[in-house]
PDB file of N, CA and C in Angstrom:
ATOM      1  N   MET A   1      25.756 -12.163  -8.646  1.00  0.00           N
ATOM      2  CA  MET A   1      26.453 -11.339  -7.975  1.00  0.00           C
ATOM      3  C   MET A   1      26.390 -10.245  -7.302  1.00  0.00           C
ATOM      4  N   ASP A   2      25.193  -9.314  -7.916  1.00  0.00           N
ATOM      5  CA  ASP A   2      24.322  -8.809  -7.305  1.00  0.00           C
ATOM      6  C   ASP A   2      23.537  -9.497  -5.548  1.00  0.00           C
ATOM      7  N   ARG A   3      23.934 -10.671  -6.081  1.00  0.00           N
ATOM      8  CA  ARG A   3      22.896 -11.439  -4.623  1.00  0.00           C
ATOM      9  C   ARG A   3      23.687 -12.023  -3.491  1.00  0.00           C
ATOM     10  N   LEU A   4      25.153 -12.078  -3.747  1.00  0.00           N
ATOM     11  CA  LEU A   4      25.805 -12.382  -3.209  1.00  0.00           C
ATOM     12  C   LEU A   4      26.563 -10.895  -1.758  1.00  0.00           C
ATOM     13  N   ALA A   5      26.468  -9.551  -2.368  1.00  0.00           N
ATOM     14  CA  ALA A   5      26.664  -8.649  -1.502  1.00  0.00           C
ATOM     15  C   ALA A   5      25.658  -7.502  -2.389  1.00  0.00           C
ATOM     16  N   ARG A   6      25.314  -6.078  -0.622  1.00  0.00           N
ATOM     17  CA  ARG A   6      24.672  -5.252  -1.300  1.00  0.00           C
ATOM     18  C   ARG A   6      25.094  -4.378  -1.984  1.00  0.00           C
ATOM     19  N   ASN A   7      26.632  -4.105  -1.689  1.00  0.00           N
ATOM     20  CA  ASN A   7      27.602  -3.036  -2.208  1.00  0.00           C
ATOM     21  C   ASN A   7      29.070  -3.639  -2.648  1.00  0.00           C
ATOM     22  N   LEU A   8      29.717  -2.402  -2.919  1.00  0.00           N
ATOM     23  CA  LEU A   8      31.102  -3.165  -3.649  1.00  0.00           C
ATOM     24  C   LEU A   8      31.792  -3.461  -2.666  1.00  0.00           C
ATOM     25  N   LYS A   9      32.009  -2.697  -1.583  1.00  0.00           N
ATOM     26  CA  LYS A   9      32.815  -2.887  -0.416  1.00  0.00           C
ATOM     27  C   LYS A   9      32.933  -4.283   0.095  1.00  0.00           C
ATOM     28  N   ASP A  10      31.556  -4.417   0.529  1.00  0.00           N
ATOM     29  CA  ASP A  10      31.094  -5.875   1.015  1.00  0.00           C
ATOM     30  C   ASP A  10      31.174  -7.074  -0.357  1.00  0.00           C
ATOM     31  N   LEU A  11      31.159  -6.718  -1.223  1.00  0.00           N
ATOM     32  CA  LEU A  11      31.411  -7.633  -2.383  1.00  0.00           C
ATOM     33  C   LEU A  11      32.783  -8.142  -2.653  1.00  0.00           C
ATOM     34  N   GLN A  12      33.545  -7.029  -2.273  1.00  0.00           N
ATOM     35  CA  GLN A  12      34.721  -7.020  -2.445  1.00  0.00           C
ATOM     36  C   GLN A  12      35.714  -8.042  -1.200  1.00  0.00           C
ATOM     37  N   HIS A  13      35.134  -7.885   0.249  1.00  0.00           N
ATOM     38  CA  HIS A  13      35.304  -8.460   1.295  1.00  0.00           C
ATOM     39  C   HIS A  13      35.127  -9.921   0.960  1.00  0.00           C
ATOM     40  N   VAL A  14      33.893 -10.181   0.533  1.00  0.00           N
ATOM     41  CA  VAL A  14      33.618 -11.531   0.492  1.00  0.00           C
ATOM     42  C   VAL A  14      34.549 -12.432  -0.562  1.00  0.00           C
ATOM     43  N   VAL A  15      34.465 -11.826  -1.495  1.00  0.00           N
ATOM     44  CA  VAL A  15      35.458 -12.505  -2.729  1.00  0.00           C
ATOM     45  C   VAL A  15      37.193 -12.684  -1.780  1.00  0.00           C
ATOM     46  N   ASP A  16      37.461 -11.702  -1.198  1.00  0.00           N
ATOM     47  CA  ASP A  16      38.692 -11.508  -0.415  1.00  0.00           C
ATOM     48  C   ASP A  16      39.032 -12.438   0.135  1.00  0.00           C
ATOM     49  N   ASP A  17      38.166 -12.914   1.243  1.00  0.00           N
ATOM     50  CA  ASP A  17      37.940 -13.537   2.285  1.00  0.00           C
ATOM     51  C   ASP A  17      38.016 -14.980   1.674  1.00  0.00           C
ATOM     52  N   LEU A  18      37.107 -15.719   0.360  1.00  0.00           N
ATOM     53  CA  LEU A  18      36.818 -16.734   0.132  1.00  0.00           C
ATOM     54  C   LEU A  18      38.170 -16.887  -0.598  1.00  0.00           C
ATOM     55  N   THR A  19      38.730 -16.215  -1.377  1.00  0.00           N
ATOM     56  CA  THR A  19      39.981 -16.607  -2.373  1.00  0.00           C
ATOM     57  C   THR A  19      40.997 -16.479  -1.301  1.00  0.00           C
ATOM     58  N   GLY A  20      40.721 -16.192   0.093  1.00  0.00           N
ATOM     59  CA  GLY A  20      42.268 -16.133   0.477  1.00  0.00           C
ATOM     60  C   GLY A  20      41.993 -17.532   1.100  1.00  0.00           C
ATOM     61  N   GLU A  21      41.229 -18.008   1.686  1.00  0.00           N
ATOM     62  CA  GLU A  21      40.913 -19.032   2.277  1.00  0.00           C
ATOM     63  C   GLU A  21      41.138 -20.347   1.303  1.00  0.00           C
ATOM     64  N   GLY A  22      41.405 -19.993  -0.152  1.00  0.00           N
ATOM     65  CA  GLY A  22      41.703 -21.322  -0.732  1.00  0.00           C
ATOM     66  C   GLY A  22      40.499 -21.495  -1.722  1.00  0.00           C
ATOM     67  N   ALA A  23      39.199 -20.662  -1.858  1.00  0.00           N
ATOM     68  CA  ALA A  23      38.070 -21.156  -2.852  1.00  0.00           C
ATOM     69  C   ALA A  23      38.359 -20.130  -3.903  1.00  0.00           C
ATOM     70  N   LYS A  24      37.099 -20.905  -4.842  1.00  0.00           N
ATOM     71  CA  LYS A  24      37.658 -20.526  -6.451  1.00  0.00           C
ATOM     72  C   LYS A  24      36.353 -20.114  -6.402  1.00  0.00           C
ATOM     73  N   ILE A  25      36.071 -18.664  -6.639  1.00  0.00           N
ATOM     74  CA  ILE A  25      34.595 -17.905  -7.298  1.00  0.00           C
ATOM     75  C   ILE A  25      34.423 -17.990  -8.490  1.00  0.00           C
ATOM     76  N   CYS A  26      33.400 -19.076  -9.045  1.00  0.00           N
ATOM     77  CA  CYS A  26      32.613 -18.709 -10.086  1.00  0.00           C
ATOM     78  C   CYS A  26      31.194 -17.697 -10.508  1.00  0.00           C
ATOM     79  N   PHE A  27      31.377 -16.448 -11.111  1.00  0.00           N
ATOM     80  CA  PHE A  27      30.116 -16.036 -11.628  1.00  0.00           C
ATOM     81  C   PHE A  27      29.799 -16.684 -13.111  1.00  0.00           C
ATOM     82  N   HIS A  28      28.941 -17.562 -13.244  1.00  0.00           N
ATOM     83  CA  HIS A  28      28.387 -17.652 -14.574  1.00  0.00           C
ATOM     84  C   HIS A  28      27.722 -16.774 -15.226  1.00  0.00           C
ATOM     85  N   LYS A  29      27.040 -16.153 -14.679  1.00  0.00           N
ATOM     86  CA  LYS A  29      26.355 -15.169 -15.621  1.00  0.00           C
ATOM     87  C   LYS A  29      27.131 -14.230 -16.074  1.00  0.00           C
ATOM     88  N   GLU A  30      27.696 -13.518 -15.399  1.00  0.00           N
ATOM     89  CA  GLU A  30      29.435 -12.741 -15.507  1.00  0.00           C
ATOM     90  C   GLU A  30      30.384 -13.316 -16.477  1.00  0.00           C
ATOM     91  N   ASN A  31      30.589 -14.652 -16.123  1.00  0.00           N
ATOM     92  CA  ASN A  31      31.673 -15.595 -16.625  1.00  0.00           C
ATOM     93  C   ASN A  31      32.967 -15.125 -16.734  1.00  0.00           C
ATOM     94  N   LEU A  32      32.907 -14.953 -15.003  1.00  0.00           N
ATOM     95  CA  LEU A  32      34.284 -14.626 -14.251  1.00  0.00           C
ATOM     96  C   LEU A  32      34.938 -15.785 -13.209  1.00  0.00           C
ATOM     97  N   ILE A  33      35.825 -15.736 -13.127  1.00  0.00           N
ATOM     98  CA  ILE A  33      36.330 -16.435 -12.186  1.00  0.00           C
ATOM     99  C   ILE A  33      37.267 -15.820 -11.379  1.00  0.00           C
ATOM    100  N   PHE A  34      37.397 -15.953 -10.000  1.00  0.00           N
ATOM    101  CA  PHE A  34      38.187 -15.610  -9.159  1.00  0.00           C
ATOM    102  C   PHE A  34      38.695 -16.591  -8.256  1.00  0.00           C
ATOM    103  N   SER A  35      40.496 -16.366  -8.453  1.00  0.00           N
ATOM    104  CA  SER A  35      40.803 -17.418  -7.167  1.00  0.00           C
ATOM    105  C   SER A  35      42.079 -17.031  -6.506  1.00  0.00           C
ATOM    106  N   ASN A  36      42.858 -17.109  -5.586  1.00  0.00           N
ATOM    107  CA  ASN A  36      43.802 -16.854  -4.644  1.00  0.00           C
ATOM    108  C   ASN A  36      44.591 -16.099  -6.017  1.00  0.00           C
ATOM    109  N   LYS A  37      44.892 -16.305  -7.093  1.00  0.00           N
ATOM    110  CA  LYS A  37      46.006 -15.739  -8.245  1.00  0.00           C
ATOM    111  C   LYS A  37      45.473 -14.776  -8.986  1.00  0.00           C
ATOM    112  N   ALA A  38      43.859 -13.903  -8.652  1.00  0.00           N
ATOM    113  CA  ALA A  38      43.353 -13.137  -9.390  1.00  0.00           C
ATOM    114  C   ALA A  38      44.255 -12.470 -10.438  1.00  0.00           C
ATOM    115  N   ASN A  39      44.150 -12.003 -11.523  1.00  0.00           N
ATOM    116  CA  ASN A  39      45.340 -11.005 -12.080  1.00  0.00           C
ATOM    117  C   ASN A  39      44.586  -9.337 -12.071  1.00  0.00           C
ATOM    118  N   ASP A  40      44.972  -8.491 -12.632  1.00  0.00           N
ATOM    119  CA  ASP A  40      44.767  -7.472 -12.433  1.00  0.00           C
ATOM    120  C   ASP A  40      43.112  -6.936 -12.830  1.00  0.00           C
ATOM    121  N   MET A  41      43.264  -7.852 -14.467  1.00  0.00           N
ATOM    122  CA  MET A  41      42.028  -7.174 -15.160  1.00  0.00           C
ATOM    123  C   MET A  41      40.610  -7.832 -14.621  1.00  0.00           C
ATOM    124  N   SER A  42      40.527  -9.041 -13.910  1.00  0.00           N
ATOM    125  CA  SER A  42      39.674  -9.666 -13.149  1.00  0.00           C
ATOM    126  C   SER A  42      39.077  -8.958 -11.721  1.00  0.00           C
ATOM    127  N   LYS A  43      40.274  -8.327 -11.416  1.00  0.00           N
ATOM    128  CA  LYS A  43      39.623  -7.500 -10.121  1.00  0.00           C
ATOM    129  C   LYS A  43      39.188  -6.372 -10.279  1.00  0.00           C
ATOM    130  N   LEU A  44      39.739  -5.583 -11.931  1.00  0.00           N
ATOM    131  CA  LEU A  44      38.586  -4.396 -12.305  1.00  0.00           C
ATOM    132  C   LEU A  44      37.169  -4.859 -12.547  1.00  0.00           C
ATOM    133  N   LEU A  45      37.447  -5.764 -13.292  1.00  0.00           N
ATOM    134  CA  LEU A  45      35.686  -6.334 -13.834  1.00  0.00           C
ATOM    135  C   LEU A  45      35.322  -6.985 -12.453  1.00  0.00           C
ATOM    136  N   LEU A  46      35.625  -7.100 -11.148  1.00  0.00           N
ATOM    137  CA  LEU A  46      34.736  -7.192 -10.201  1.00  0.00           C
ATOM    138  C   LEU A  46      34.375  -6.250  -9.490  1.00  0.00           C
ATOM    139  N   GLN A  47      35.120  -4.987  -9.781  1.00  0.00           N
ATOM    140  CA  GLN A  47      34.835  -3.919  -9.396  1.00  0.00           C
ATOM    141  C   GLN A  47      34.010  -2.889 -10.154  1.00  0.00           C
ATOM    142  N   VAL A  48      33.870  -3.015 -11.152  1.00  0.00           N
ATOM    143  CA  VAL A  48      33.039  -2.357 -12.327  1.00  0.00           C
ATOM    144  C   VAL A  48      31.871  -3.242 -11.934  1.00  0.00           C
ATOM    145  N   MET A  49      31.632  -4.645 -12.336  1.00  0.00           N
ATOM    146  CA  MET A  49      30.469  -5.224 -12.495  1.00  0.00           C
ATOM    147  C   MET A  49      29.586  -5.097 -10.811  1.00  0.00           C
ATOM    148  N   GLY A  50      30.672  -5.245  -9.594  1.00  0.00           N
ATOM    149  CA  GLY A  50      30.039  -4.698  -8.037  1.00  0.00           C
ATOM    150  C   GLY A  50      29.204  -3.481  -8.542  1.00  0.00           C
ATOM    151  N   ALA A  51      29.982  -2.195  -8.595  1.00  0.00           N
ATOM    152  CA  ALA A  51      29.662  -0.852  -8.757  1.00  0.00           C
ATOM    153  C   ALA A  51      28.379  -1.020  -9.346  1.00  0.00           C
ATOM    154  N   PHE A  52      28.215  -1.228 -10.649  1.00  0.00           N
ATOM    155  CA  PHE A  52      26.908  -1.758 -11.667  1.00  0.00           C
ATOM    156  C   PHE A  52      25.967  -2.119 -10.736  1.00  0.00           C
ATOM    157  N   ALA A  53      26.312  -3.292 -10.063  1.00  0.00           N
ATOM    158  CA  ALA A  53      25.289  -3.810  -9.204  1.00  0.00           C
ATOM    159  C   ALA A  53      24.618  -2.937  -8.157  1.00  0.00           C
ATOM    160  N   GLU A  54      25.297  -2.342  -7.851  1.00  0.00           N
ATOM    161  CA  GLU A  54      25.269  -1.293  -6.353  1.00  0.00           C
ATOM    162  C   GLU A  54      24.386  -0.379  -6.829  1.00  0.00           C
ATOM    163  N   PHE A  55      24.311   0.270  -7.890  1.00  0.00           N
ATOM    164  CA  PHE A  55      23.952   1.207  -8.620  1.00  0.00           C
ATOM    165  C   PHE A  55      22.402   0.724  -9.126  1.00  0.00           C
ATOM    166  N   GLU A  56      22.403  -0.621  -9.484  1.00  0.00           N
ATOM    167  CA  GLU A  56      20.919  -1.134 -10.127  1.00  0.00           C
ATOM    168  C   GLU A  56      20.087  -1.230  -8.730  1.00  0.00           C
ATOM    169  N   HIS A  57      21.081  -1.514  -7.558  1.00  0.00           N
ATOM    170  CA  HIS A  57      20.228  -1.737  -6.264  1.00  0.00           C
ATOM    171  C   HIS A  57      19.695  -0.417  -5.702  1.00  0.00           C
ATOM    172  N   SER A  58      20.401   0.471  -6.086  1.00  0.00           N
ATOM    173  CA  SER A  58      19.591   1.852  -5.161  1.00  0.00           C
ATOM    174  C   SER A  58      19.077   2.610  -6.088  1.00  0.00           C
ATOM    175  N   LEU A  59      18.930   2.353  -7.217  1.00  0.00           N
ATOM    176  CA  LEU A  59      17.625   2.778  -8.391  1.00  0.00           C
ATOM    177  C   LEU A  59      16.493   2.038  -7.899  1.00  0.00           C
ATOM    178  N   ILE A  60      16.276   0.616  -7.914  1.00  0.00           N
ATOM    179  CA  ILE A  60      15.575  -0.236  -7.584  1.00  0.00           C
ATOM    180  C   ILE A  60      14.824   0.072  -6.197  1.00  0.00           C
ATOM    181  N   LYS A  61      15.539   0.563  -5.095  1.00  0.00           N
ATOM    182  CA  LYS A  61      14.962   0.950  -4.261  1.00  0.00           C
ATOM    183  C   LYS A  61      14.332   2.172  -4.061  1.00  0.00           C
ATOM    184  N   GLU A  62      14.917   3.290  -5.064  1.00  0.00           N
ATOM    185  CA  GLU A  62      14.185   4.648  -5.208  1.00  0.00           C
ATOM    186  C   GLU A  62      13.026   4.376  -5.897  1.00  0.00           C
ATOM    187  N   TRP A  63      13.113   3.264  -7.076  1.00  0.00           N
ATOM    188  CA  TRP A  63      11.601   3.530  -7.767  1.00  0.00           C
ATOM    189  C   TRP A  63      10.467   2.802  -6.720  1.00  0.00           C
ATOM    190  N   GLN A  64      10.802   1.866  -5.638  1.00  0.00           N
ATOM    191  CA  GLN A  64      10.293   1.582  -4.670  1.00  0.00           C
ATOM    192  C   GLN A  64       9.238   2.644  -4.023  1.00  0.00           C
ATOM    193  N   LEU A  65      10.321   3.296  -3.434  1.00  0.00           N
ATOM    194  CA  LEU A  65       9.895   4.131  -2.534  1.00  0.00           C
ATOM    195  C   LEU A  65       9.080   5.359  -3.458  1.00  0.00           C
ATOM    196  N   GLU A  66       9.185   5.986  -4.470  1.00  0.00           N
ATOM    197  CA  GLU A  66       8.268   6.703  -5.747  1.00  0.00           C
ATOM    198  C   GLU A  66       6.949   5.884  -5.610  1.00  0.00           C
ATOM    199  N   GLY A  67       6.838   4.321  -5.603  1.00  0.00           N
ATOM    200  CA  GLY A  67       6.056   3.807  -5.899  1.00  0.00           C
ATOM    201  C   GLY A  67       4.924   3.742  -4.450  1.00  0.00           C
ATOM    202  N   ILE A  68       5.741   3.921  -3.596  1.00  0.00           N
ATOM    203  CA  ILE A  68       4.861   3.478  -2.202  1.00  0.00           C
ATOM    204  C   ILE A  68       4.185   4.888  -2.064  1.00  0.00           C
ATOM    205  N   ALA A  69       5.066   6.006  -2.357  1.00  0.00           N
ATOM    206  CA  ALA A  69       4.546   7.354  -2.393  1.00  0.00           C
ATOM    207  C   ALA A  69       3.308   7.847  -3.127  1.00  0.00           C
ATOM    208  N   ALA A  70       3.599   7.281  -4.878  1.00  0.00           N
ATOM    209  CA  ALA A  70       2.325   7.730  -5.605  1.00  0.00           C
ATOM    210  C   ALA A  70       1.059   6.980  -4.992  1.00  0.00           C
ATOM    211  N   ALA A  71       1.000   5.347  -4.248  1.00  0.00           N
ATOM    212  CA  ALA A  71       0.345   4.837  -3.977  1.00  0.00           C
ATOM    213  C   ALA A  71      -0.847   5.462  -2.940  1.00  0.00           C
ATOM    214  N   LYS A  72       0.084   5.861  -1.879  1.00  0.00           N
ATOM    215  CA  LYS A  72      -0.485   6.693  -0.837  1.00  0.00           C
ATOM    216  C   LYS A  72      -1.058   7.835  -1.072  1.00  0.00           C
ATOM    217  N   ARG A  73      -0.599   8.539  -2.514  1.00  0.00           N
ATOM    218  CA  ARG A  73      -1.555   9.698  -3.135  1.00  0.00           C
ATOM    219  C   ARG A  73      -2.646   9.499  -3.368  1.00  0.00           C
ATOM    220  N   ARG A  74      -2.597   7.987  -4.364  1.00  0.00           N
ATOM    221  CA  ARG A  74      -3.734   7.412  -4.762  1.00  0.00           C
ATOM    222  C   ARG A  74      -4.866   7.334  -3.655  1.00  0.00           C
ATOM    223  N   VAL A  75      -4.461   6.452  -3.099  1.00  0.00           N
ATOM    224  CA  VAL A  75      -5.328   6.361  -1.576  1.00  0.00           C
ATOM    225  C   VAL A  75      -5.825   7.427  -0.793  1.00  0.00           C
ATOM    226  N   ASN A  76      -5.200   8.528  -0.322  1.00  0.00           N
ATOM    227  CA  ASN A  76      -5.942   9.800  -0.134  1.00  0.00           C
ATOM    228  C   ASN A  76      -6.966  10.506  -0.899  1.00  0.00           C
ATOM    229  N   ILE A  77      -6.192  10.384  -2.154  1.00  0.00           N
ATOM    230  CA  ILE A  77      -7.228  11.131  -3.339  1.00  0.00           C
ATOM    231  C   ILE A  77      -8.727  10.320  -3.329  1.00  0.00           C
ATOM    232  N   TRP A  78      -8.447   8.935  -3.196  1.00  0.00           N
ATOM    233  CA  TRP A  78      -9.703   8.054  -3.487  1.00  0.00           C
ATOM    234  C   TRP A  78     -10.651   8.375  -1.923  1.00  0.00           C
ATOM    235  N   ALA A  79      -9.651   8.249  -1.010  1.00  0.00           N
ATOM    236  CA  ALA A  79     -10.403   8.694   0.665  1.00  0.00           C
ATOM    237  C   ALA A  79     -11.441   9.756   0.118  1.00  0.00           C
ATOM    238  N   TRP A  80     -10.790  11.194  -0.184  1.00  0.00           N
ATOM    239  CA  TRP A  80     -11.370  12.300  -0.195  1.00  0.00           C
ATOM    240  C   TRP A  80     -12.455  12.620  -1.477  1.00  0.00           C
ATOM    241  N   SER A  81     -12.548  11.030  -2.445  1.00  0.00           N
ATOM    242  CA  SER A  81     -13.599  11.491  -3.119  1.00  0.00           C
ATOM    243  C   SER A  81     -14.667  10.792  -3.233  1.00  0.00           C
ATOM    244  N   ARG A  82     -14.460   9.987  -2.013  1.00  0.00           N
ATOM    245  CA  ARG A  82     -15.767   9.011  -1.795  1.00  0.00           C
ATOM    246  C   ARG A  82     -17.034  10.285  -1.060  1.00  0.00           C
ATOM    247  N   PRO A  83     -18.445   9.818  -1.552  1.00  0.00           N
ATOM    248  CA  PRO A  83     -19.473  10.706  -0.566  1.00  0.00           C
ATOM    249  C   PRO A  83     -19.493  10.471   0.718  1.00  0.00           C
TER     250      PRO A  83
END
């Protein structure tokens, strides 16, 4: 699910477009199936799971930036400590 779109708005748009064309979308890992006859519960689950995927993506991005900053600090410390 998190590979299909980067945020909740895009995920909802992709699912709506595909189901509007008559496609049936199956997320096997989450055990969710969406079609043009989606009920309210499946829409809710899509939004909740999409929100968690978007949150997870933002955390990973934040951790990556923190790791890059820490690596830069280590390089600066190493460069200054060399004779």
